[in-house]
Amino acid sequence: VWLDGRKYNKEGHSPTNEMMVVSTTISPDGRLGAETALDERACDCCQTAVAITSSGPIVAYRDRTADEIRDIYVVRRINGGWTAPAPVYADGWKIAACPVNGPAMSASGRNVAMTWFTVKQEQGQAYLAFSNDAGATFGKPIRIDDGGSLGRVDVELLPDGAALATWIEFADQRAQFRARRIDR
């Protein structure tokens, strides 16, 4: 899965520029499968995340609407086909630029943990949400930062079903690496 710029032009962050999320498969002998566009318009440079659930792969990325809303979306591969893009949560973050701060995800069986960065009321915030249906739906987001996230999130599901989330926090006039265990 990658951000694909073949529709992108050199005008900068023009509303007409459209970065896509595209996938392919790679066989054991290195042959590439057919390319599939998963979303025709995504954020220009926020990294994507992929995890494998017992139902198949789930892909997370920062979407980009025509109104410059940059929420986190997922698509899932079910029964040989990709689902339509769906928001993890409607943060409604409007920014006419790429925050270079995409989601992170971990999966085990049908359990998925997703972390992401957003800005609300001029403050950076980091969130985590759990899914118990392979990413078809996510529970209510849990704010994980202490009051001033810079993002750069990551997450790992733990054997007991909790998650270990990490992020960069701005505190005491400096950036700090933080980690927190979050129970369901």
C-alpha atoms as a PDB file:
ATOM      1  CA  VAL A   1       0.000   0.000   0.000  1.00  0.00           C
ATOM      2  CA  TRP A   2       1.367   3.417  -0.879  1.00  0.00           C
ATOM      3  CA  LEU A   3       0.515   7.039  -1.567  1.00  0.00           C
ATOM      4  CA  ASP A   4       0.457   7.387  -5.320  1.00  0.00           C
ATOM      5  CA  GLY A   5       0.988  10.740  -7.019  1.00  0.00           C
ATOM      6  CA  ARG A   6       0.275   9.959 -10.650  1.00  0.00           C
ATOM      7  CA  LYS A   7      -2.742  12.350 -10.587  1.00  0.00           C
ATOM      8  CA  TYR A   8      -0.793  15.004  -8.682  1.00  0.00           C
ATOM      9  CA  ASN A   9       0.359  18.179 -10.403  1.00  0.00           C
ATOM     10  CA  LYS A  10       3.041  20.718  -9.455  1.00  0.00           C
ATOM     11  CA  GLU A  11       0.697  23.438  -8.139  1.00  0.00           C
ATOM     12  CA  GLY A  12       1.375  22.684  -4.451  1.00  0.00           C
ATOM     13  CA  HIS A  13      -1.607  22.219  -2.128  1.00  0.00           C
ATOM     14  CA  SER A  14      -4.185  23.123  -4.734  1.00  0.00           C
ATOM     15  CA  PRO A  15      -7.638  21.556  -4.230  1.00  0.00           C
ATOM     16  CA  THR A  16      -7.178  19.930  -7.636  1.00  0.00           C
ATOM     17  CA  ASN A  17      -4.136  17.931  -6.511  1.00  0.00           C
ATOM     18  CA  GLU A  18      -5.097  14.410  -5.599  1.00  0.00           C
ATOM     19  CA  MET A  19      -2.798  11.859  -4.036  1.00  0.00           C
ATOM     20  CA  MET A  20      -4.287   8.347  -4.114  1.00  0.00           C
ATOM     21  CA  VAL A  21      -3.934   5.328  -1.814  1.00  0.00           C
ATOM     22  CA  VAL A  22      -3.067   2.310  -3.988  1.00  0.00           C
ATOM     23  CA  SER A  23      -2.346  -1.344  -3.216  1.00  0.00           C
ATOM     24  CA  THR A  24      -0.892  -4.366  -4.921  1.00  0.00           C
ATOM     25  CA  THR A  25       0.236  -7.852  -3.983  1.00  0.00           C
ATOM     26  CA  ILE A  26       3.696  -9.343  -4.328  1.00  0.00           C
ATOM     27  CA  SER A  27       4.053 -13.075  -4.982  1.00  0.00           C
ATOM     28  CA  PRO A  28       6.811 -15.113  -3.289  1.00  0.00           C
ATOM     29  CA  ASP A  29       8.821 -14.950  -6.535  1.00  0.00           C
ATOM     30  CA  GLY A  30       8.558 -11.131  -6.629  1.00  0.00           C
ATOM     31  CA  ARG A  31       5.853 -10.713  -9.268  1.00  0.00           C
ATOM     32  CA  LEU A  32       3.518  -7.772  -8.723  1.00  0.00           C
ATOM     33  CA  GLY A  33      -0.228  -8.240  -8.820  1.00  0.00           C
ATOM     34  CA  ALA A  34      -2.757  -5.800 -10.215  1.00  0.00           C
ATOM     35  CA  GLU A  35      -2.833  -2.323  -8.692  1.00  0.00           C
ATOM     36  CA  THR A  36      -6.047  -1.231  -6.971  1.00  0.00           C
ATOM     37  CA  ALA A  37      -6.912   2.351  -6.039  1.00  0.00           C
ATOM     38  CA  LEU A  38      -8.274   2.195  -2.468  1.00  0.00           C
ATOM     39  CA  ASP A  39      -9.063   5.923  -2.224  1.00  0.00           C
ATOM     40  CA  GLU A  40      -8.883   8.438  -5.058  1.00  0.00           C
ATOM     41  CA  ARG A  41      -8.045  11.400  -2.776  1.00  0.00           C
ATOM     42  CA  ALA A  42      -5.883  11.175   0.352  1.00  0.00           C
ATOM     43  CA  CYS A  43      -3.573  13.424   2.335  1.00  0.00           C
ATOM     44  CA  ASP A  44      -0.405  14.161   0.358  1.00  0.00           C
ATOM     45  CA  CYS A  45       2.278  12.799   2.681  1.00  0.00           C
ATOM     46  CA  CYS A  46       0.907  11.269   5.905  1.00  0.00           C
ATOM     47  CA  GLN A  47       2.149   7.696   6.147  1.00  0.00           C
ATOM     48  CA  THR A  48      -0.207   4.775   5.714  1.00  0.00           C
ATOM     49  CA  ALA A  49      -0.547   1.818   8.113  1.00  0.00           C
ATOM     50  CA  VAL A  50      -1.417  -1.812   7.379  1.00  0.00           C
ATOM     51  CA  ALA A  51      -2.264  -4.659   9.746  1.00  0.00           C
ATOM     52  CA  ILE A  52      -3.459  -8.201   9.163  1.00  0.00           C
ATOM     53  CA  THR A  53      -6.603  -9.324  10.989  1.00  0.00           C
ATOM     54  CA  SER A  54      -8.160 -12.799  10.945  1.00  0.00           C
ATOM     55  CA  SER A  55     -10.610 -11.369   8.364  1.00  0.00           C
ATOM     56  CA  GLY A  56      -7.851  -9.986   6.112  1.00  0.00           C
ATOM     57  CA  PRO A  57      -5.772  -6.814   5.737  1.00  0.00           C
ATOM     58  CA  ILE A  58      -6.883  -3.420   7.036  1.00  0.00           C
ATOM     59  CA  VAL A  59      -5.329  -0.203   5.733  1.00  0.00           C
ATOM     60  CA  ALA A  60      -5.418   3.132   7.583  1.00  0.00           C
ATOM     61  CA  TYR A  61      -4.521   6.528   6.153  1.00  0.00           C
ATOM     62  CA  ARG A  62      -5.339  10.223   6.435  1.00  0.00           C
ATOM     63  CA  ASP A  63      -8.134  11.099   4.017  1.00  0.00           C
ATOM     64  CA  ARG A  64      -8.498  14.507   2.338  1.00  0.00           C
ATOM     65  CA  THR A  65     -11.895  15.915   1.401  1.00  0.00           C
ATOM     66  CA  ALA A  66     -12.525  18.732  -1.071  1.00  0.00           C
ATOM     67  CA  ASP A  67     -13.046  20.955   2.006  1.00  0.00           C
ATOM     68  CA  GLU A  68      -9.581  19.963   3.355  1.00  0.00           C
ATOM     69  CA  ILE A  69     -10.874  17.805   6.225  1.00  0.00           C
ATOM     70  CA  ARG A  70      -8.068  15.364   7.165  1.00  0.00           C
ATOM     71  CA  ASP A  71      -9.634  12.548   9.212  1.00  0.00           C
ATOM     72  CA  ILE A  72      -8.293   8.989   9.492  1.00  0.00           C
ATOM     73  CA  TYR A  73     -10.010   6.414   7.271  1.00  0.00           C
ATOM     74  CA  VAL A  74      -9.760   2.654   6.829  1.00  0.00           C
ATOM     75  CA  VAL A  75     -10.388   0.179   4.037  1.00  0.00           C
ATOM     76  CA  ARG A  76     -10.484  -3.592   4.545  1.00  0.00           C
ATOM     77  CA  ARG A  77      -9.997  -6.504   2.190  1.00  0.00           C
ATOM     78  CA  ILE A  78     -12.939  -8.858   2.680  1.00  0.00           C
ATOM     79  CA  ASN A  79     -13.669 -11.927   0.529  1.00  0.00           C
ATOM     80  CA  GLY A  80     -11.237 -10.837  -2.185  1.00  0.00           C
ATOM     81  CA  GLY A  81     -12.450  -7.240  -2.514  1.00  0.00           C
ATOM     82  CA  TRP A  82     -11.788  -3.907  -0.818  1.00  0.00           C
ATOM     83  CA  THR A  83     -14.462  -2.147   1.229  1.00  0.00           C
ATOM     84  CA  ALA A  84     -15.387   1.481   0.648  1.00  0.00           C
ATOM     85  CA  PRO A  85     -13.316   3.968   2.677  1.00  0.00           C
ATOM     86  CA  ALA A  86     -14.790   4.621   6.143  1.00  0.00           C
ATOM     87  CA  PRO A  87     -13.778   7.093   8.861  1.00  0.00           C
ATOM     88  CA  VAL A  88     -12.376   5.749  12.131  1.00  0.00           C
ATOM     89  CA  TYR A  89     -13.793   8.839  13.840  1.00  0.00           C
ATOM     90  CA  ALA A  90     -15.014  12.194  12.500  1.00  0.00           C
ATOM     91  CA  ASP A  91     -12.484  14.575  14.065  1.00  0.00           C
ATOM     92  CA  GLY A  92     -13.236  17.229  11.448  1.00  0.00           C
ATOM     93  CA  TRP A  93      -9.657  18.546  11.399  1.00  0.00           C
ATOM     94  CA  LYS A  94      -9.504  21.159   8.658  1.00  0.00           C
ATOM     95  CA  ILE A  95      -6.020  22.032   7.445  1.00  0.00           C
ATOM     96  CA  ALA A  96      -5.034  23.154   3.953  1.00  0.00           C
ATOM     97  CA  ALA A  97      -1.646  21.450   4.242  1.00  0.00           C
ATOM     98  CA  CYS A  98      -0.324  18.009   5.001  1.00  0.00           C
ATOM     99  CA  PRO A  99       0.517  17.473   8.682  1.00  0.00           C
ATOM    100  CA  VAL A 100       2.935  14.596   7.831  1.00  0.00           C
ATOM    101  CA  ASN A 101       1.487  12.696  10.790  1.00  0.00           C
ATOM    102  CA  GLY A 102      -0.395   9.542   9.808  1.00  0.00           C
ATOM    103  CA  PRO A 103      -2.004   6.755  11.852  1.00  0.00           C
ATOM    104  CA  ALA A 104      -0.540   3.608  13.395  1.00  0.00           C
ATOM    105  CA  MET A 105      -2.304   0.311  13.869  1.00  0.00           C
ATOM    106  CA  SER A 106      -1.820  -3.145  15.397  1.00  0.00           C
ATOM    107  CA  ALA A 107      -4.011  -6.239  14.999  1.00  0.00           C
ATOM    108  CA  SER A 108      -4.384  -9.674  16.538  1.00  0.00           C
ATOM    109  CA  GLY A 109      -7.195 -11.921  15.336  1.00  0.00           C
ATOM    110  CA  ARG A 110     -10.289  -9.683  15.133  1.00  0.00           C
ATOM    111  CA  ASN A 111      -8.880  -7.103  17.576  1.00  0.00           C
ATOM    112  CA  VAL A 112      -7.419  -3.865  16.217  1.00  0.00           C
ATOM    113  CA  ALA A 113      -5.913  -0.876  18.013  1.00  0.00           C
ATOM    114  CA  MET A 114      -5.583   2.387  16.064  1.00  0.00           C
ATOM    115  CA  THR A 115      -3.742   5.565  17.109  1.00  0.00           C
ATOM    116  CA  TRP A 116      -3.771   8.935  15.369  1.00  0.00           C
ATOM    117  CA  PHE A 117      -2.960  12.610  15.781  1.00  0.00           C
ATOM    118  CA  THR A 118      -5.378  15.478  15.236  1.00  0.00           C
ATOM    119  CA  VAL A 119      -5.770  19.124  16.192  1.00  0.00           C
ATOM    120  CA  LYS A 120      -8.803  20.440  18.066  1.00  0.00           C
ATOM    121  CA  GLN A 121      -9.170  24.020  19.323  1.00  0.00           C
ATOM    122  CA  GLU A 122      -5.591  24.815  18.233  1.00  0.00           C
ATOM    123  CA  GLN A 123      -4.127  21.963  20.322  1.00  0.00           C
ATOM    124  CA  GLY A 124      -2.459  18.781  19.110  1.00  0.00           C
ATOM    125  CA  GLN A 125      -4.083  15.640  20.489  1.00  0.00           C
ATOM    126  CA  ALA A 126      -3.356  11.914  20.214  1.00  0.00           C
ATOM    127  CA  TYR A 127      -6.114   9.293  20.295  1.00  0.00           C
ATOM    128  CA  LEU A 128      -6.543   5.530  20.397  1.00  0.00           C
ATOM    129  CA  ALA A 129      -9.600   3.471  19.464  1.00  0.00           C
ATOM    130  CA  PHE A 130     -10.215  -0.265  19.676  1.00  0.00           C
ATOM    131  CA  SER A 131     -12.105  -2.519  17.282  1.00  0.00           C
ATOM    132  CA  ASN A 132     -13.222  -6.072  18.048  1.00  0.00           C
ATOM    133  CA  ASP A 133     -14.627  -6.769  14.565  1.00  0.00           C
ATOM    134  CA  ALA A 134     -11.451  -6.590  12.440  1.00  0.00           C
ATOM    135  CA  GLY A 135     -11.823  -2.837  11.901  1.00  0.00           C
ATOM    136  CA  ALA A 136     -15.403  -2.805  10.611  1.00  0.00           C
ATOM    137  CA  THR A 137     -16.220  -0.430  13.491  1.00  0.00           C
ATOM    138  CA  PHE A 138     -14.216   1.326  16.189  1.00  0.00           C
ATOM    139  CA  GLY A 139     -15.178   2.239  19.732  1.00  0.00           C
ATOM    140  CA  LYS A 140     -15.166   5.731  21.184  1.00  0.00           C
ATOM    141  CA  PRO A 141     -11.728   7.388  20.866  1.00  0.00           C
ATOM    142  CA  ILE A 142      -9.621   7.577  24.028  1.00  0.00           C
ATOM    143  CA  ARG A 143      -7.363  10.612  24.358  1.00  0.00           C
ATOM    144  CA  ILE A 144      -3.900   9.333  25.261  1.00  0.00           C
ATOM    145  CA  ASP A 145      -1.771  12.491  25.460  1.00  0.00           C
ATOM    146  CA  ASP A 146      -1.439  14.689  28.540  1.00  0.00           C
ATOM    147  CA  GLY A 147      -2.282  18.000  26.901  1.00  0.00           C
ATOM    148  CA  GLY A 148       0.015  18.856  24.016  1.00  0.00           C
ATOM    149  CA  SER A 149       0.734  16.081  21.542  1.00  0.00           C
ATOM    150  CA  LEU A 150       2.997  16.575  18.550  1.00  0.00           C
ATOM    151  CA  GLY A 151       1.835  13.230  17.162  1.00  0.00           C
ATOM    152  CA  ARG A 152       4.248  10.641  15.730  1.00  0.00           C
ATOM    153  CA  VAL A 153       2.021   7.948  17.220  1.00  0.00           C
ATOM    154  CA  ASP A 154       2.561   4.216  17.342  1.00  0.00           C
ATOM    155  CA  VAL A 155       0.696   1.324  18.948  1.00  0.00           C
ATOM    156  CA  GLU A 156       1.080  -2.359  19.719  1.00  0.00           C
ATOM    157  CA  LEU A 157      -1.633  -4.721  20.974  1.00  0.00           C
ATOM    158  CA  LEU A 158      -0.555  -6.626  24.066  1.00  0.00           C
ATOM    159  CA  PRO A 159      -1.339 -10.318  24.730  1.00  0.00           C
ATOM    160  CA  ASP A 160      -4.007  -9.397  27.333  1.00  0.00           C
ATOM    161  CA  GLY A 161      -5.934  -7.199  24.839  1.00  0.00           C
ATOM    162  CA  ALA A 162      -4.672  -3.846  26.141  1.00  0.00           C
ATOM    163  CA  ALA A 163      -2.530  -1.625  23.929  1.00  0.00           C
ATOM    164  CA  LEU A 164       0.808   0.128  24.377  1.00  0.00           C
ATOM    165  CA  ALA A 165       0.670   3.525  22.653  1.00  0.00           C
ATOM    166  CA  THR A 166       3.532   5.952  22.096  1.00  0.00           C
ATOM    167  CA  TRP A 167       3.615   9.583  20.933  1.00  0.00           C
ATOM    168  CA  ILE A 168       5.633  12.794  21.167  1.00  0.00           C
ATOM    169  CA  GLU A 169       4.362  15.260  23.790  1.00  0.00           C
ATOM    170  CA  PHE A 170       5.336  18.915  24.162  1.00  0.00           C
ATOM    171  CA  ALA A 171       5.782  19.538  27.888  1.00  0.00           C
ATOM    172  CA  ASP A 172       8.126  21.612  30.057  1.00  0.00           C
ATOM    173  CA  GLN A 173       9.178  23.549  26.931  1.00  0.00           C
ATOM    174  CA  ARG A 174      10.562  20.458  25.190  1.00  0.00           C
ATOM    175  CA  ALA A 175       9.495  17.466  23.160  1.00  0.00           C
ATOM    176  CA  GLN A 176       9.214  14.237  25.141  1.00  0.00           C
ATOM    177  CA  PHE A 177       8.712  10.637  24.036  1.00  0.00           C
ATOM    178  CA  ARG A 178       5.765   9.203  25.966  1.00  0.00           C
ATOM    179  CA  ALA A 179       4.270   5.727  26.303  1.00  0.00           C
ATOM    180  CA  ARG A 180       1.072   4.596  27.964  1.00  0.00           C
ATOM    181  CA  ARG A 181      -0.769   1.329  28.472  1.00  0.00           C
ATOM    182  CA  ILE A 182      -4.448   1.654  27.562  1.00  0.00           C
ATOM    183  CA  ASP A 183      -6.957  -0.978  28.686  1.00  0.00           C
ATOM    184  CA  ARG A 184     -10.106  -1.559  26.699  1.00  0.00           C
END
